[in-house]
Amino acid sequence: MLAIPSALQSKFDGQLRIKSIPSNLHGSYQKWLRYYLDFCRKYRLPPREEKSLPPFLRKLQDKKQSETQREQALAAITLYYDILREMGKLGKVPSLPAAIIDP
């Protein structure tokens, strides 16, 4: 599994604080972001496009993740999309490695 690039990790951590996500949940949110990016890479889906989220959530359901876990994953990926929106990069589709490394 890929590590979250440091620039994205820093921005994501900032979003967690801005959105007042309890610190005991930060690790879980980071895990869901890693899983999402890995899922997109594996299935060749653009992580910057919101259309990639429903297949990810379906996969979590197929893997018997609880509704609470799927909601938490949704919240984590929504924070990622917020970062992309702020940067004007949501929906822009560079090559997949660049999409992951350079949010």
Protein backbone atom coordinates (compact mmCIF):
# COMPACT_ATOMS: atom_id res chain seq x y z
CA MET A 1 0.00 0.00 0.00
CA LEU A 2 1.22 3.45 -0.88
CA ALA A 3 2.09 5.98 1.78
CA ILE A 4 0.32 9.31 1.62
CA PRO A 5 2.78 11.83 0.13
CA SER A 6 4.03 14.31 2.73
CA ALA A 7 2.51 17.39 1.06
CA LEU A 8 -0.92 15.75 0.91
CA GLN A 9 -0.50 14.38 4.44
CA SER A 10 0.20 17.87 5.75
CA LYS A 11 -2.84 19.35 4.00
CA PHE A 12 -5.03 16.45 5.13
CA ASP A 13 -3.89 16.86 8.75
CA GLY A 14 -4.75 20.54 8.49
CA GLN A 15 -8.25 19.69 7.24
CA LEU A 16 -8.73 17.27 10.14
CA ARG A 17 -7.97 20.12 12.56
CA ILE A 18 -10.07 22.70 10.69
CA LYS A 19 -13.07 20.36 10.63
CA SER A 20 -12.55 19.60 14.34
CA ILE A 21 -12.23 15.86 13.79
CA PRO A 22 -11.35 14.34 17.20
CA SER A 23 -7.64 13.50 17.35
CA ASN A 24 -8.38 9.89 18.26
CA LEU A 25 -9.97 9.49 14.78
CA HIS A 26 -7.11 11.02 12.77
CA GLY A 27 -5.40 7.67 12.24
CA SER A 28 -8.60 6.10 10.94
CA TYR A 29 -9.23 8.99 8.54
CA GLN A 30 -5.66 8.72 7.25
CA LYS A 31 -6.14 4.96 6.81
CA TRP A 32 -9.28 5.53 4.70
CA LEU A 33 -7.45 8.04 2.52
CA ARG A 34 -4.61 5.54 1.96
CA TYR A 35 -7.13 2.82 1.14
CA TYR A 36 -8.95 5.10 -1.29
CA LEU A 37 -5.77 6.14 -3.10
CA ASP A 38 -4.63 2.53 -3.26
CA PHE A 39 -8.06 1.43 -4.52
CA CYS A 40 -7.99 4.07 -7.27
CA ARG A 41 -4.50 3.03 -8.32
CA LYS A 42 -5.38 -0.67 -8.34
CA TYR A 43 -8.60 -0.23 -10.34
CA ARG A 44 -7.27 2.62 -12.49
CA LEU A 45 -9.83 5.15 -11.30
CA PRO A 46 -9.02 8.86 -11.10
CA PRO A 47 -8.76 9.76 -7.39
CA ARG A 48 -9.47 13.41 -8.17
CA GLU A 49 -12.90 12.62 -9.57
CA GLU A 50 -15.86 12.15 -7.27
CA LYS A 51 -17.21 9.42 -9.53
CA SER A 52 -14.47 7.18 -8.08
CA LEU A 53 -16.02 7.30 -4.61
CA PRO A 54 -19.13 5.11 -5.15
CA PRO A 55 -17.11 2.12 -6.41
CA PHE A 56 -14.81 2.50 -3.40
CA LEU A 57 -17.75 2.54 -0.99
CA ARG A 58 -19.25 -0.51 -2.74
CA LYS A 59 -15.96 -2.33 -2.32
CA LEU A 60 -15.99 -1.53 1.40
CA GLN A 61 -19.50 -2.92 1.62
CA ASP A 62 -18.43 -6.05 -0.29
CA LYS A 63 -15.61 -6.43 2.23
CA LYS A 64 -18.21 -6.36 5.04
CA GLN A 65 -17.14 -3.02 6.47
CA SER A 66 -19.80 -1.70 8.83
CA GLU A 67 -22.03 1.22 7.95
CA THR A 68 -20.16 3.29 10.55
CA GLN A 69 -16.84 2.45 8.89
CA ARG A 70 -18.20 3.31 5.45
CA GLU A 71 -19.52 6.63 6.78
CA GLN A 72 -16.13 7.38 8.27
CA ALA A 73 -14.45 6.51 4.95
CA LEU A 74 -16.88 8.82 3.16
CA ALA A 75 -16.06 11.64 5.58
CA ALA A 76 -12.32 11.11 5.10
CA ILE A 77 -12.51 11.13 1.31
CA THR A 78 -14.77 14.18 1.42
CA LEU A 79 -11.96 15.99 3.29
CA TYR A 80 -9.59 14.95 0.51
CA TYR A 81 -12.00 16.36 -2.08
CA ASP A 82 -12.22 19.59 -0.04
CA ILE A 83 -8.45 19.93 -0.34
CA LEU A 84 -8.63 19.38 -4.09
CA ARG A 85 -11.50 21.89 -4.41
CA GLU A 86 -9.50 24.55 -2.55
CA MET A 87 -6.57 23.94 -4.87
CA GLY A 88 -8.74 23.99 -7.99
CA LYS A 89 -7.76 20.40 -8.79
CA LEU A 90 -10.97 18.47 -8.18
CA GLY A 91 -11.92 16.67 -11.36
CA LYS A 92 -8.61 17.38 -13.08
CA VAL A 93 -7.19 14.07 -14.26
CA PRO A 94 -3.40 13.87 -14.60
CA SER A 95 -1.73 10.49 -14.80
CA LEU A 96 -2.51 8.34 -11.77
CA PRO A 97 0.90 8.54 -10.06
CA ALA A 98 0.83 12.32 -10.35
CA ALA A 99 -2.76 12.37 -9.10
CA ILE A 100 -1.67 10.65 -5.93
CA ILE A 101 1.65 12.41 -5.39
CA ASP A 102 0.63 15.96 -6.31
CA PRO A 103 -2.81 16.74 -4.90
